[in-house]
Amino acid sequence: MMKRTTTLLLAVLITLTLTARQKPAIKRELNQARLDSAERKQARPMVKPTERFRVLISTDIGGTDPDDNQSMAHLLMYSNEFDLEGLVSSPSFGSGSASEIYRMIDVYEKDLPRLSRHVRGLMKPKALRRLVKQGRTDELPPCGYGESTEGSQWIVKQARRNDPRPLYVLVWGCLEDVAQALHDAPDIAPKIRVYWIGGPNKKWGVNDYCYIVEHFPNLWMIENNTTYRAFIYDSKNKDQWNMGYFDTFIKDASHLGRDFAAYYKGNPKLGDTASLLYMMDGDPTNPEQQSWGGRFVRCNRTPRFVFHGATTARDTAQICGIIEWQLQGPVRNDIAIDSACVTLDIRNQKWRGYYKGDGLYVVRHSTYYTGTLSYTITSTVEGFAPITGEITVENTWDAAVGGTAKPHDTDYQVGPQWWTDSYVPDDYWHNCAGARYQYIVREDIMRDWAERWLWLKE
């Protein structure tokens, strides 16, 4: 008891000596150590919604991150919980395609008889296959739209269906097909509700995000940039809910179990599953309530920083915000507008920039990494002077969502139906804004899913 008291007194003394700028970060670290039994009591079994909701999935399955396969298994095993209306393959990067969704359905079909002994209403494979559509397979140009795809057309068709219920579009990758659908059919905007797993997906699909936030600021949107991260397994925790989950519950669980072993060695990353959980628990019409899929706060702007030259470590941006360089260079009438001719090299990754005409070259980026990042911007255009700089990314947003950052004139203004992660210090978990409650309910979620995996071992 004396040791604990001394530790707490030391923490208080340290906190009192900090500057105002340092206190939020230290408070987050202290809060991490206080996840006690009282908070654990906030966790609870799933409370099913009182109505069935229409759901369409946009996924980059088979692309750059195999966690979509894990979330697809979760979706199929809980397909009785909602009215599924679409499975759109939107792999703007990597080699994903609709064929990977079909393959997952084939695996599920083999295990459906066992699952159906315990739960009614699981979707039939034939019905699932009718919902699979191919979306965009490459990056959108800076305008944020291009040619329509089978996937974007399907989003429009389902949104326009004669059904009083809104269509919830759960996006597990980039927003290309959603952006294309909104461009082609702006009338669907009031009829859809988007739950987007953003974060790293924002840097992969920065152009489509910018198009949507600029042209459809009143869209119903949950922008989950960091809340979902508490659902990812803890690689340092060997218990049955993290590193031990596969061996305890999934290993030898028939065909789906064997398939699951191919992704992260069976460790449950499940980065996109938060969107499913949101539809399965509580009241999906209210993003501000506590839910298995997270609790979110209303925002009135999303951060955007515009620079007109090289930056230094003194220049700041915000985590998961838009960073845009607008650079003057050679005027080239022989280069088409929106041609990719500039390269941003940051954190050992290369990103395209574009020529906008009249000597203007533009590069957009977004990152969930914080701290001071070094970068270079180069071009194949003769006479374009290479740029080397640094940018400091801060782990906060503005006061409207509980953060400490100041608003900027270049921020994107959004309407009253745009929600994101909570930057209130008490809501952080492992430096991830809004992730605390997601962490509190994680064990209950994994326990619920474990029951269905055990059915497959019978």
Protein backbone atom coordinates (compact mmCIF):
# COMPACT_ATOMS: atom_id res chain seq x y z
CA MET A 1 0.00 0.00 0.00
CA MET A 2 2.86 2.37 0.88
CA LYS A 3 4.52 1.69 -2.50
CA ARG A 4 1.30 2.44 -4.37
CA THR A 5 0.73 5.68 -2.39
CA THR A 6 4.29 6.83 -3.04
CA THR A 7 3.90 6.13 -6.77
CA LEU A 8 0.66 8.11 -6.97
CA LEU A 9 2.17 11.07 -5.07
CA LEU A 10 5.15 11.06 -7.41
CA ALA A 11 2.84 11.07 -10.44
CA VAL A 12 0.96 14.06 -9.01
CA LEU A 13 4.18 16.00 -8.37
CA ILE A 14 5.44 15.29 -11.88
CA THR A 15 2.14 16.39 -13.40
CA LEU A 16 2.15 19.66 -11.45
CA THR A 17 5.55 20.60 -12.88
CA LEU A 18 4.57 20.06 -16.49
CA THR A 19 3.71 22.76 -18.97
CA ALA A 20 0.13 23.00 -20.20
CA ARG A 21 1.23 21.52 -23.52
CA GLN A 22 2.75 18.45 -21.85
CA LYS A 23 -0.06 17.64 -19.42
CA PRO A 24 -2.55 15.96 -21.82
CA ALA A 25 0.04 13.43 -23.01
CA ILE A 26 1.14 12.55 -19.46
CA LYS A 27 -2.46 12.30 -18.29
CA ARG A 28 -3.13 9.77 -21.04
CA GLU A 29 -0.23 7.65 -19.83
CA LEU A 30 -1.41 7.79 -16.21
CA ASN A 31 -4.95 6.88 -17.24
CA GLN A 32 -3.63 3.82 -19.08
CA ALA A 33 -2.44 2.41 -15.76
CA ARG A 34 -5.84 2.93 -14.12
CA LEU A 35 -7.97 0.50 -16.07
CA ASP A 36 -9.33 -1.11 -12.91
CA SER A 37 -12.27 -3.29 -11.99
CA ALA A 38 -14.58 -0.29 -11.65
CA GLU A 39 -14.07 0.58 -15.32
CA ARG A 40 -14.30 -3.07 -16.31
CA LYS A 41 -17.87 -3.04 -14.97
CA GLN A 42 -18.81 -0.79 -17.89
CA ALA A 43 -18.38 -3.83 -20.14
CA ARG A 44 -21.48 -5.85 -20.87
CA PRO A 45 -22.90 -8.55 -23.12
CA MET A 46 -24.13 -7.50 -26.54
CA VAL A 47 -27.43 -5.63 -26.55
CA LYS A 48 -29.03 -6.33 -29.91
CA PRO A 49 -30.64 -3.39 -31.72
CA THR A 50 -34.42 -3.33 -31.61
CA GLU A 51 -34.65 -3.28 -35.42
CA ARG A 52 -32.77 -4.78 -38.34
CA PHE A 53 -30.48 -2.46 -40.24
CA ARG A 54 -29.50 -2.45 -43.87
CA VAL A 55 -25.75 -2.93 -44.34
CA LEU A 56 -23.38 -2.77 -47.31
CA ILE A 57 -19.66 -3.55 -46.99
CA SER A 58 -16.88 -1.92 -49.01
CA THR A 59 -13.65 -3.84 -48.43
CA ASP A 60 -10.09 -3.91 -49.75
CA ILE A 61 -9.87 -7.62 -48.93
CA GLY A 62 -6.94 -9.32 -50.60
CA GLY A 63 -5.12 -6.00 -50.88
CA THR A 64 -2.44 -4.59 -48.61
CA ASP A 65 -3.73 -5.86 -45.24
CA PRO A 66 -5.12 -9.37 -44.54
CA ASP A 67 -7.13 -8.21 -41.54
CA ASP A 68 -10.07 -7.79 -43.95
CA ASN A 69 -10.17 -11.58 -44.29
CA GLN A 70 -10.50 -11.85 -40.53
CA SER A 71 -13.31 -9.31 -40.46
CA MET A 72 -15.01 -11.04 -43.39
CA ALA A 73 -15.05 -14.29 -41.38
CA HIS A 74 -16.60 -12.35 -38.50
CA LEU A 75 -19.22 -10.87 -40.82
CA LEU A 76 -20.20 -14.21 -42.32
CA MET A 77 -20.48 -15.90 -38.93
CA TYR A 78 -22.83 -13.10 -37.76
CA SER A 79 -24.71 -12.56 -41.02
CA ASN A 80 -27.99 -13.26 -39.24
CA GLU A 81 -27.73 -9.98 -37.33
CA PHE A 82 -28.61 -7.54 -40.12
CA ASP A 83 -29.90 -7.21 -43.69
CA LEU A 84 -26.76 -7.45 -45.79
CA GLU A 85 -27.17 -5.76 -49.19
CA GLY A 86 -23.71 -5.59 -50.74
CA LEU A 87 -20.13 -6.86 -50.65
CA VAL A 88 -18.07 -4.45 -52.75
CA SER A 89 -14.41 -5.14 -53.48
CA SER A 90 -12.58 -1.78 -53.38
CA PRO A 91 -8.84 -2.60 -53.40
CA SER A 92 -7.35 0.68 -54.59
CA PHE A 93 -3.90 -0.71 -53.70
CA GLY A 94 -2.61 -4.27 -53.79
CA SER A 95 -3.99 -7.26 -55.65
CA GLY A 96 -7.39 -7.67 -54.02
CA SER A 97 -10.51 -8.40 -56.05
CA ALA A 98 -14.03 -9.73 -55.81
CA SER A 99 -12.62 -13.23 -56.28
CA GLU A 100 -11.30 -13.12 -52.71
CA ILE A 101 -14.79 -12.42 -51.38
CA TYR A 102 -16.12 -15.38 -53.38
CA ARG A 103 -13.37 -17.55 -51.93
CA MET A 104 -14.30 -16.57 -48.38
CA ILE A 105 -17.94 -17.41 -49.11
CA ASP A 106 -16.82 -20.83 -50.38
CA VAL A 107 -15.03 -21.47 -47.08
CA TYR A 108 -18.06 -20.30 -45.08
CA GLU A 109 -20.36 -22.56 -47.12
CA LYS A 110 -18.51 -25.63 -45.86
CA ASP A 111 -19.11 -24.65 -42.24
CA LEU A 112 -22.65 -23.31 -42.58
CA PRO A 113 -24.34 -26.61 -41.58
CA ARG A 114 -22.53 -26.63 -38.23
CA LEU A 115 -23.23 -22.97 -37.54
CA SER A 116 -26.88 -23.36 -38.50
CA ARG A 117 -27.42 -25.92 -35.75
CA HIS A 118 -27.09 -23.10 -33.24
CA VAL A 119 -28.40 -19.95 -34.89
CA ARG A 120 -31.12 -19.22 -37.41
CA GLY A 121 -31.01 -16.74 -40.24
CA LEU A 122 -27.39 -17.05 -41.37
CA MET A 123 -27.22 -16.01 -45.02
CA LYS A 124 -27.16 -18.66 -47.71
CA PRO A 125 -24.02 -18.73 -49.89
CA LYS A 126 -26.06 -18.30 -53.06
CA ALA A 127 -27.62 -15.09 -51.71
CA LEU A 128 -24.20 -13.82 -50.59
CA ARG A 129 -22.66 -14.38 -54.01
CA ARG A 130 -25.35 -12.24 -55.62
CA LEU A 131 -24.18 -9.33 -53.47
CA VAL A 132 -20.52 -9.42 -54.55
CA LYS A 133 -19.53 -6.54 -56.83
CA GLN A 134 -16.19 -5.33 -58.15
CA GLY A 135 -15.25 -1.77 -57.24
CA ARG A 136 -12.33 0.44 -58.14
CA THR A 137 -8.92 -1.22 -58.35
CA ASP A 138 -6.66 1.84 -58.46
CA GLU A 139 -6.26 5.26 -56.87
CA LEU A 140 -8.65 8.06 -57.81
CA PRO A 141 -7.22 11.22 -59.39
CA PRO A 142 -7.03 14.40 -57.27
CA CYS A 143 -10.53 15.47 -58.33
CA GLY A 144 -11.81 12.53 -56.23
CA TYR A 145 -13.87 10.71 -58.86
CA GLY A 146 -13.41 8.89 -62.14
CA GLU A 147 -15.34 6.22 -64.02
CA SER A 148 -18.19 4.43 -62.28
CA THR A 149 -17.65 0.79 -61.29
CA GLU A 150 -19.92 -2.16 -60.73
CA GLY A 151 -19.44 -1.50 -57.02
CA SER A 152 -20.27 2.21 -57.09
CA GLN A 153 -23.32 1.52 -59.27
CA TRP A 154 -24.50 -1.07 -56.76
CA ILE A 155 -24.19 1.44 -53.91
CA VAL A 156 -26.39 3.85 -55.88
CA LYS A 157 -28.93 1.14 -56.69
CA GLN A 158 -29.25 -0.05 -53.11
CA ALA A 159 -29.40 3.47 -51.70
CA ARG A 160 -32.26 4.28 -54.06
CA ARG A 161 -34.26 1.21 -53.11
CA ASN A 162 -37.79 1.84 -51.93
CA ASP A 163 -37.04 1.27 -48.27
CA PRO A 164 -37.57 3.82 -45.50
CA ARG A 165 -34.49 2.59 -43.65
CA PRO A 166 -31.12 4.23 -44.42
CA LEU A 167 -28.34 2.15 -45.93
CA TYR A 168 -25.31 1.81 -43.64
CA VAL A 169 -22.15 1.64 -45.74
CA LEU A 170 -19.29 0.14 -43.73
CA VAL A 171 -15.97 1.00 -45.36
CA TRP A 172 -12.94 -1.18 -44.52
CA GLY A 173 -10.53 0.47 -46.92
CA CYS A 174 -10.57 3.62 -49.02
CA LEU A 175 -13.67 5.60 -49.91
CA GLU A 176 -13.28 5.45 -53.71
CA ASP A 177 -16.53 3.68 -54.53
CA VAL A 178 -18.49 5.76 -52.02
CA ALA A 179 -17.03 8.95 -53.51
CA GLN A 180 -17.84 7.75 -57.02
CA ALA A 181 -21.40 6.83 -56.04
CA LEU A 182 -21.96 10.25 -54.46
CA HIS A 183 -20.50 12.00 -57.51
CA ASP A 184 -22.70 10.04 -59.91
CA ALA A 185 -25.85 10.25 -57.77
CA PRO A 186 -25.77 13.12 -55.25
CA ASP A 187 -29.38 12.36 -54.33
CA ILE A 188 -28.28 9.30 -52.35
CA ALA A 189 -26.39 11.38 -49.76
CA PRO A 190 -29.35 11.66 -47.33
CA LYS A 191 -30.09 7.96 -47.75
CA ILE A 192 -26.73 6.51 -46.70
CA ARG A 193 -24.82 6.43 -43.43
CA VAL A 194 -21.09 5.83 -43.65
CA TYR A 195 -19.00 4.18 -40.93
CA TRP A 196 -15.40 4.44 -42.13
CA ILE A 197 -12.33 2.81 -40.66
CA GLY A 198 -10.03 5.73 -41.48
CA GLY A 199 -6.59 6.13 -39.95
CA PRO A 200 -4.09 4.60 -42.39
CA ASN A 201 -6.82 4.23 -45.01
CA LYS A 202 -6.98 8.01 -45.24
CA LYS A 203 -3.42 8.23 -46.57
CA TRP A 204 -4.16 5.48 -49.12
CA GLY A 205 -7.31 7.26 -50.30
CA VAL A 206 -6.63 10.90 -49.59
CA ASN A 207 -8.24 12.16 -52.83
CA ASP A 208 -11.60 10.45 -52.32
CA TYR A 209 -11.75 11.62 -48.68
CA CYS A 210 -11.07 15.21 -49.73
CA TYR A 211 -13.75 15.02 -52.41
CA ILE A 212 -16.37 13.78 -49.95
CA VAL A 213 -15.56 16.23 -47.17
CA GLU A 214 -15.47 19.17 -49.61
CA HIS A 215 -18.63 18.35 -51.55
CA PHE A 216 -20.74 16.40 -49.04
CA PRO A 217 -19.96 17.96 -45.63
CA ASN A 218 -23.49 17.16 -44.44
CA LEU A 219 -23.11 13.44 -45.04
CA TRP A 220 -23.87 11.16 -42.07
CA MET A 221 -20.33 9.97 -41.30
CA ILE A 222 -18.45 8.21 -38.53
CA GLU A 223 -14.76 8.82 -39.17
CA ASN A 224 -13.08 6.21 -36.97
CA ASN A 225 -9.38 7.01 -37.19
CA THR A 226 -8.09 5.57 -33.91
CA THR A 227 -10.92 4.19 -31.77
CA TYR A 228 -10.78 0.83 -33.55
CA ARG A 229 -7.13 0.26 -32.61
CA ALA A 230 -8.01 -0.97 -29.11
CA PHE A 231 -9.67 -3.96 -30.73
CA ILE A 232 -6.39 -5.18 -32.28
CA TYR A 233 -4.70 -7.98 -30.34
CA ASP A 234 -1.95 -7.06 -27.89
CA SER A 235 1.24 -8.76 -29.10
CA LYS A 236 2.67 -8.58 -25.58
CA ASN A 237 -0.31 -10.27 -23.95
CA LYS A 238 -0.34 -14.07 -24.11
CA ASP A 239 -3.81 -14.55 -22.61
CA GLN A 240 -6.71 -16.26 -24.39
CA TRP A 241 -8.16 -12.96 -25.63
CA ASN A 242 -4.99 -11.83 -27.43
CA MET A 243 -2.00 -13.92 -28.53
CA GLY A 244 -3.64 -17.05 -27.16
CA TYR A 245 -7.03 -16.54 -28.85
CA PHE A 246 -6.30 -18.68 -31.90
CA ASP A 247 -4.96 -21.67 -29.97
CA THR A 248 -7.77 -21.46 -27.42
CA PHE A 249 -10.79 -20.99 -29.66
CA ILE A 250 -10.04 -21.05 -33.41
CA LYS A 251 -7.46 -23.79 -33.94
CA ASP A 252 -9.15 -26.92 -35.36
CA ALA A 253 -12.41 -24.97 -35.83
CA SER A 254 -13.17 -26.58 -39.18
CA HIS A 255 -12.67 -24.76 -42.49
CA LEU A 256 -13.02 -21.16 -41.30
CA GLY A 257 -10.56 -21.89 -38.51
CA ARG A 258 -7.95 -23.27 -40.88
CA ASP A 259 -8.39 -20.29 -43.17
CA PHE A 260 -8.03 -17.86 -40.24
CA ALA A 261 -4.59 -19.28 -39.49
CA ALA A 262 -3.28 -17.80 -42.75
CA TYR A 263 -3.64 -14.19 -41.51
CA TYR A 264 -1.19 -12.83 -38.93
CA LYS A 265 -0.53 -16.43 -37.84
CA GLY A 266 -4.07 -16.53 -36.50
CA ASN A 267 -3.66 -13.53 -34.20
CA PRO A 268 -6.86 -11.45 -34.28
CA LYS A 269 -6.03 -8.03 -35.71
CA LEU A 270 -9.62 -7.41 -36.86
CA GLY A 271 -8.98 -3.77 -37.68
CA ASP A 272 -12.28 -3.37 -39.53
CA THR A 273 -14.52 -5.39 -37.23
CA ALA A 274 -15.45 -2.33 -35.13
CA SER A 275 -17.85 -1.29 -37.91
CA LEU A 276 -19.67 -4.63 -37.70
CA LEU A 277 -19.85 -4.46 -33.93
CA TYR A 278 -21.40 -1.01 -34.23
CA MET A 279 -24.32 -2.52 -36.16
CA MET A 280 -24.72 -5.45 -33.78
CA ASP A 281 -24.88 -3.65 -30.44
CA GLY A 282 -27.01 -0.86 -29.00
CA ASP A 283 -28.51 1.87 -31.16
CA PRO A 284 -26.60 2.49 -34.42
CA THR A 285 -28.61 5.67 -35.01
CA ASN A 286 -26.74 7.32 -32.12
CA PRO A 287 -22.94 7.45 -32.52
CA GLU A 288 -22.57 9.25 -29.18
CA GLN A 289 -23.73 6.33 -27.06
CA GLN A 290 -21.39 3.63 -25.79
CA SER A 291 -21.37 0.73 -28.22
CA TRP A 292 -19.30 -2.34 -28.98
CA GLY A 293 -18.29 -0.46 -32.12
CA GLY A 294 -17.06 2.62 -30.26
CA ARG A 295 -18.42 5.88 -28.92
CA PHE A 296 -17.87 9.02 -30.99
CA VAL A 297 -18.16 12.78 -30.65
CA ARG A 298 -19.61 15.30 -33.03
CA CYS A 299 -17.10 17.50 -34.83
CA ASN A 300 -17.55 20.66 -36.86
CA ARG A 301 -14.29 20.54 -38.81
CA THR A 302 -11.60 18.08 -39.83
CA PRO A 303 -7.99 19.29 -39.93
CA ARG A 304 -6.31 20.39 -43.14
CA PHE A 305 -2.94 22.14 -43.37
CA VAL A 306 -1.74 23.86 -46.54
CA PHE A 307 1.93 24.74 -47.04
CA HIS A 308 3.45 26.65 -49.96
CA GLY A 309 7.04 25.52 -49.61
CA ALA A 310 9.39 23.42 -47.54
CA THR A 311 8.41 23.07 -43.87
CA THR A 312 10.54 22.66 -40.76
CA ALA A 313 10.07 20.81 -37.48
CA ARG A 314 8.42 23.97 -36.14
CA ASP A 315 5.55 23.52 -38.60
CA THR A 316 2.80 21.32 -37.18
CA ALA A 317 -0.08 19.24 -38.44
CA GLN A 318 -2.51 16.93 -36.69
CA ILE A 319 -2.77 13.17 -36.65
CA CYS A 320 -5.04 11.82 -39.41
CA GLY A 321 -5.47 15.32 -40.82
CA ILE A 322 -4.82 16.37 -44.41
CA ILE A 323 -1.38 17.81 -45.14
CA GLU A 324 -1.20 19.56 -48.50
CA TRP A 325 1.79 21.12 -50.24
CA GLN A 326 0.96 23.63 -52.99
CA LEU A 327 4.22 24.32 -54.79
CA GLN A 328 5.13 26.64 -57.64
CA GLY A 329 7.29 25.20 -60.39
CA PRO A 330 7.76 25.29 -64.16
CA VAL A 331 4.72 26.20 -66.27
CA ARG A 332 4.21 23.26 -68.61
CA ASN A 333 1.50 23.42 -71.24
CA ASP A 334 2.51 19.98 -72.50
CA ILE A 335 1.54 18.27 -69.23
CA ALA A 336 -2.14 17.43 -68.78
CA ILE A 337 -3.96 18.74 -65.73
CA ASP A 338 -4.01 16.18 -62.87
CA SER A 339 -1.07 14.26 -64.31
CA ALA A 340 0.99 12.44 -61.68
CA CYS A 341 4.49 13.93 -61.96
CA VAL A 342 5.52 14.67 -58.37
CA THR A 343 6.65 12.24 -55.64
CA LEU A 344 6.47 12.70 -51.88
CA ASP A 345 8.86 10.38 -50.03
CA ILE A 346 7.99 10.17 -46.32
CA ARG A 347 8.60 7.34 -43.84
CA ASN A 348 10.06 5.20 -46.65
CA GLN A 349 6.84 5.36 -48.65
CA LYS A 350 6.28 7.20 -51.91
CA TRP A 351 3.08 9.11 -52.73
CA ARG A 352 1.92 10.77 -55.93
CA GLY A 353 1.57 14.47 -56.47
CA TYR A 354 -0.10 16.16 -59.44
CA TYR A 355 0.23 19.07 -61.83
CA LYS A 356 -2.72 21.46 -61.56
CA GLY A 357 -1.74 23.88 -64.33
CA ASP A 358 -0.17 27.37 -64.36
CA GLY A 359 2.95 26.03 -62.68
CA LEU A 360 1.09 24.69 -59.60
CA TYR A 361 2.06 21.25 -58.25
CA VAL A 362 0.04 19.72 -55.40
CA VAL A 363 0.79 16.83 -53.03
CA ARG A 364 -1.65 15.59 -50.37
CA HIS A 365 -0.85 13.29 -47.49
CA SER A 366 -2.27 12.03 -44.21
CA THR A 367 -0.55 10.08 -41.46
CA TYR A 368 -1.33 8.40 -38.16
CA TYR A 369 2.32 8.61 -37.12
CA THR A 370 3.21 11.35 -34.68
CA GLY A 371 6.41 13.26 -33.98
CA THR A 372 8.75 14.97 -36.43
CA LEU A 373 8.80 13.33 -39.86
CA SER A 374 11.37 14.02 -42.59
CA TYR A 375 10.38 14.09 -46.25
CA THR A 376 11.44 14.98 -49.76
CA ILE A 377 9.38 16.12 -52.74
CA THR A 378 10.81 15.55 -56.20
CA SER A 379 9.57 15.61 -59.76
CA THR A 380 10.45 14.28 -63.19
CA VAL A 381 9.60 17.71 -64.60
CA GLU A 382 12.72 19.54 -65.73
CA GLY A 383 13.32 22.66 -63.69
CA PHE A 384 11.32 21.51 -60.63
CA ALA A 385 13.53 22.19 -57.60
CA PRO A 386 13.57 19.26 -55.12
CA ILE A 387 12.33 20.04 -51.62
CA THR A 388 13.60 18.59 -48.35
CA GLY A 389 11.81 19.31 -45.10
CA GLU A 390 10.31 18.17 -41.83
CA ILE A 391 6.81 18.27 -40.36
CA THR A 392 5.74 17.68 -36.75
CA VAL A 393 2.51 15.72 -36.33
CA GLU A 394 0.62 16.19 -33.06
CA ASN A 395 -1.70 13.63 -31.47
CA THR A 396 -4.74 15.86 -31.02
CA TRP A 397 -7.60 17.61 -32.83
CA ASP A 398 -9.43 20.77 -31.80
CA ALA A 399 -11.53 21.56 -28.73
CA ALA A 400 -14.81 20.55 -30.37
CA VAL A 401 -13.76 16.90 -29.97
CA GLY A 402 -11.92 17.38 -26.70
CA GLY A 403 -8.48 18.18 -28.12
CA THR A 404 -6.06 21.05 -27.66
CA ALA A 405 -5.24 22.06 -31.25
CA LYS A 406 -6.30 25.43 -32.60
CA PRO A 407 -8.64 25.56 -35.61
CA HIS A 408 -7.14 26.66 -38.94
CA ASP A 409 -8.71 28.63 -41.76
CA THR A 410 -7.86 25.77 -44.14
CA ASP A 411 -9.71 23.11 -42.12
CA TYR A 412 -12.63 21.35 -43.78
CA GLN A 413 -15.96 22.46 -42.32
CA VAL A 414 -18.44 19.63 -41.75
CA GLY A 415 -22.11 19.51 -40.80
CA PRO A 416 -23.92 18.28 -37.69
CA GLN A 417 -23.83 14.59 -38.75
CA TRP A 418 -20.08 14.05 -38.78
CA TRP A 419 -18.55 12.18 -35.83
CA THR A 420 -15.03 11.12 -34.97
CA ASP A 421 -12.82 9.87 -32.13
CA SER A 422 -12.89 11.58 -28.75
CA TYR A 423 -9.69 13.48 -27.92
CA VAL A 424 -10.68 13.96 -24.28
CA PRO A 425 -7.62 12.72 -22.32
CA ASP A 426 -9.67 10.20 -20.32
CA ASP A 427 -10.82 8.55 -23.56
CA TYR A 428 -7.32 7.67 -24.82
CA TRP A 429 -5.92 4.16 -24.74
CA HIS A 430 -2.25 3.59 -25.67
CA ASN A 431 -2.17 7.07 -27.22
CA CYS A 432 -5.19 6.23 -29.40
CA ALA A 433 -7.96 8.82 -29.12
CA GLY A 434 -11.37 7.43 -28.26
CA ALA A 435 -10.15 3.85 -27.89
CA ARG A 436 -10.62 3.44 -24.16
CA TYR A 437 -14.19 2.13 -24.15
CA GLN A 438 -13.45 -0.13 -27.11
CA TYR A 439 -10.72 -1.68 -24.99
CA ILE A 440 -13.02 -2.08 -21.99
CA VAL A 441 -15.56 -4.14 -23.97
CA ARG A 442 -13.03 -6.08 -26.04
CA GLU A 443 -13.00 -9.19 -23.85
CA ASP A 444 -16.80 -9.43 -23.97
CA ILE A 445 -16.71 -9.16 -27.75
CA MET A 446 -14.05 -11.84 -28.12
CA ARG A 447 -15.92 -14.09 -25.68
CA ASP A 448 -19.12 -13.77 -27.72
CA TRP A 449 -17.28 -14.68 -30.93
CA ALA A 450 -15.48 -17.55 -29.20
CA GLU A 451 -18.81 -19.28 -28.68
CA ARG A 452 -19.40 -19.43 -32.43
CA TRP A 453 -15.89 -20.72 -33.07
CA LEU A 454 -16.51 -23.51 -30.56
CA TRP A 455 -19.62 -24.53 -32.49
CA LEU A 456 -17.31 -25.38 -35.38
CA LYS A 457 -15.35 -27.80 -33.22
CA GLU A 458 -18.37 -29.99 -32.46
